[in-house]
Amino acid sequence: MFERILAEFRDAPRLLRSFSPDLFNGRLLFFKALILDEGGMSHDPQGWQAHVADGITVHEIDCSHENMLGPQALSIIGPTLQQALQAMER
């Protein structure tokens, strides 16, 4: 198992060089962490703009990127995502 993970890790640079994303024909929901991680890195949703046809809806979450899957963040992300998915079904 570990050897497979290591092989994927070694192959990642080649895969990244050959990857060319298509345009997503829809609207992107972006959940942005408001608290900077230890390295001070912020994740800018506008970096995705060139890859999205119908724009970006940003939802700011009061946590760090590292804690985006924690209970507090998910209590906001879950219902927001559910509402967006239900709106698509209408």
C-alpha atoms as a PDB file:
ATOM      1  CA  MET A   1       0.000   0.000   0.000  1.00  0.00           C
ATOM      2  CA  PHE A   2       2.742   2.448   0.964  1.00  0.00           C
ATOM      3  CA  GLU A   3       4.599   1.723  -2.286  1.00  0.00           C
ATOM      4  CA  ARG A   4       1.481   2.618  -4.303  1.00  0.00           C
ATOM      5  CA  ILE A   5       1.124   5.915  -2.445  1.00  0.00           C
ATOM      6  CA  LEU A   6       4.805   6.657  -3.016  1.00  0.00           C
ATOM      7  CA  ALA A   7       4.493   5.823  -6.724  1.00  0.00           C
ATOM      8  CA  GLU A   8       1.534   8.237  -7.060  1.00  0.00           C
ATOM      9  CA  PHE A   9       3.500  10.929  -5.254  1.00  0.00           C
ATOM     10  CA  ARG A  10       6.426  10.460  -7.638  1.00  0.00           C
ATOM     11  CA  ASP A  11       4.120  10.594 -10.668  1.00  0.00           C
ATOM     12  CA  ALA A  12       2.283  13.760  -9.563  1.00  0.00           C
ATOM     13  CA  PRO A  13       4.650  16.284 -11.239  1.00  0.00           C
ATOM     14  CA  ARG A  14       4.215  14.584 -14.632  1.00  0.00           C
ATOM     15  CA  LEU A  15       0.448  14.529 -14.230  1.00  0.00           C
ATOM     16  CA  LEU A  16       0.370  18.212 -13.288  1.00  0.00           C
ATOM     17  CA  ARG A  17       2.470  19.192 -16.317  1.00  0.00           C
ATOM     18  CA  SER A  18       0.136  17.396 -18.709  1.00  0.00           C
ATOM     19  CA  PHE A  19      -3.128  18.563 -17.120  1.00  0.00           C
ATOM     20  CA  SER A  20      -5.160  21.212 -18.941  1.00  0.00           C
ATOM     21  CA  PRO A  21      -8.504  21.968 -17.271  1.00  0.00           C
ATOM     22  CA  ASP A  22     -11.631  22.529 -19.336  1.00  0.00           C
ATOM     23  CA  LEU A  23     -14.084  25.331 -18.672  1.00  0.00           C
ATOM     24  CA  PHE A  24     -16.692  24.379 -16.063  1.00  0.00           C
ATOM     25  CA  ASN A  25     -20.070  25.263 -17.561  1.00  0.00           C
ATOM     26  CA  GLY A  26     -21.738  26.342 -14.344  1.00  0.00           C
ATOM     27  CA  ARG A  27     -21.399  28.458 -11.225  1.00  0.00           C
ATOM     28  CA  LEU A  28     -18.767  27.703  -8.582  1.00  0.00           C
ATOM     29  CA  LEU A  29     -19.571  27.734  -4.866  1.00  0.00           C
ATOM     30  CA  PHE A  30     -16.372  28.710  -3.074  1.00  0.00           C
ATOM     31  CA  PHE A  31     -16.099  28.359   0.689  1.00  0.00           C
ATOM     32  CA  LYS A  32     -13.366  30.771   1.811  1.00  0.00           C
ATOM     33  CA  ALA A  33     -11.664  30.471   5.171  1.00  0.00           C
ATOM     34  CA  LEU A  34     -11.395  33.900   6.813  1.00  0.00           C
ATOM     35  CA  ILE A  35      -8.624  32.995   9.265  1.00  0.00           C
ATOM     36  CA  LEU A  36      -5.182  32.698   7.697  1.00  0.00           C
ATOM     37  CA  ASP A  37      -3.290  29.462   8.207  1.00  0.00           C
ATOM     38  CA  GLU A  38       0.027  29.466  10.035  1.00  0.00           C
ATOM     39  CA  GLY A  39       1.929  30.261   6.817  1.00  0.00           C
ATOM     40  CA  GLY A  40      -0.333  33.241   6.176  1.00  0.00           C
ATOM     41  CA  MET A  41      -1.572  31.806   2.883  1.00  0.00           C
ATOM     42  CA  SER A  42      -4.936  33.010   1.625  1.00  0.00           C
ATOM     43  CA  HIS A  43      -6.903  31.081  -0.997  1.00  0.00           C
ATOM     44  CA  ASP A  44      -8.268  33.574  -3.535  1.00  0.00           C
ATOM     45  CA  PRO A  45     -11.447  32.409  -5.261  1.00  0.00           C
ATOM     46  CA  GLN A  46     -10.731  34.660  -8.252  1.00  0.00           C
ATOM     47  CA  GLY A  47      -7.944  32.256  -9.186  1.00  0.00           C
ATOM     48  CA  TRP A  48     -10.715  29.960 -10.459  1.00  0.00           C
ATOM     49  CA  GLN A  49     -12.516  32.610 -12.531  1.00  0.00           C
ATOM     50  CA  ALA A  50     -10.853  31.671 -15.830  1.00  0.00           C
ATOM     51  CA  HIS A  51     -12.120  28.097 -15.405  1.00  0.00           C
ATOM     52  CA  VAL A  52     -15.773  28.876 -14.597  1.00  0.00           C
ATOM     53  CA  ALA A  53     -18.393  29.986 -17.147  1.00  0.00           C
ATOM     54  CA  ASP A  54     -21.067  31.383 -14.816  1.00  0.00           C
ATOM     55  CA  GLY A  55     -19.050  33.079 -12.093  1.00  0.00           C
ATOM     56  CA  ILE A  56     -18.245  32.376  -8.474  1.00  0.00           C
ATOM     57  CA  THR A  57     -20.367  32.637  -5.338  1.00  0.00           C
ATOM     58  CA  VAL A  58     -18.125  33.077  -2.306  1.00  0.00           C
ATOM     59  CA  HIS A  59     -19.229  31.972   1.168  1.00  0.00           C
ATOM     60  CA  GLU A  60     -16.885  33.201   3.885  1.00  0.00           C
ATOM     61  CA  ILE A  61     -16.356  30.776   6.747  1.00  0.00           C
ATOM     62  CA  ASP A  62     -14.970  32.001  10.081  1.00  0.00           C
ATOM     63  CA  CYS A  63     -12.208  29.422  10.425  1.00  0.00           C
ATOM     64  CA  SER A  64      -8.801  28.557   8.981  1.00  0.00           C
ATOM     65  CA  HIS A  65      -8.398  26.514   5.793  1.00  0.00           C
ATOM     66  CA  GLU A  66      -7.077  23.710   7.984  1.00  0.00           C
ATOM     67  CA  ASN A  67     -10.389  23.613   9.888  1.00  0.00           C
ATOM     68  CA  MET A  68     -12.762  23.763   6.905  1.00  0.00           C
ATOM     69  CA  LEU A  69     -13.904  20.195   7.574  1.00  0.00           C
ATOM     70  CA  GLY A  70     -14.390  20.755  11.302  1.00  0.00           C
ATOM     71  CA  PRO A  71     -17.848  20.687  12.923  1.00  0.00           C
ATOM     72  CA  GLN A  72     -18.213  24.481  13.168  1.00  0.00           C
ATOM     73  CA  ALA A  73     -17.411  25.068   9.483  1.00  0.00           C
ATOM     74  CA  LEU A  74     -19.446  22.090   8.296  1.00  0.00           C
ATOM     75  CA  SER A  75     -22.478  23.370  10.205  1.00  0.00           C
ATOM     76  CA  ILE A  76     -22.430  26.270   7.730  1.00  0.00           C
ATOM     77  CA  ILE A  77     -21.078  24.540   4.618  1.00  0.00           C
ATOM     78  CA  GLY A  78     -23.463  21.568   4.776  1.00  0.00           C
ATOM     79  CA  PRO A  79     -26.758  23.504   4.753  1.00  0.00           C
ATOM     80  CA  THR A  80     -25.409  25.993   2.185  1.00  0.00           C
ATOM     81  CA  LEU A  81     -24.388  23.185  -0.141  1.00  0.00           C
ATOM     82  CA  GLN A  82     -27.694  21.380   0.412  1.00  0.00           C
ATOM     83  CA  GLN A  83     -29.636  24.525  -0.474  1.00  0.00           C
ATOM     84  CA  ALA A  84     -27.585  25.022  -3.667  1.00  0.00           C
ATOM     85  CA  LEU A  85     -28.097  21.421  -4.742  1.00  0.00           C
ATOM     86  CA  GLN A  86     -31.833  21.595  -4.094  1.00  0.00           C
ATOM     87  CA  ALA A  87     -32.054  24.794  -6.150  1.00  0.00           C
ATOM     88  CA  MET A  88     -30.442  22.964  -9.072  1.00  0.00           C
ATOM     89  CA  GLU A  89     -33.146  20.278  -8.969  1.00  0.00           C
ATOM     90  CA  ARG A  90     -35.959  22.801  -9.445  1.00  0.00           C
END
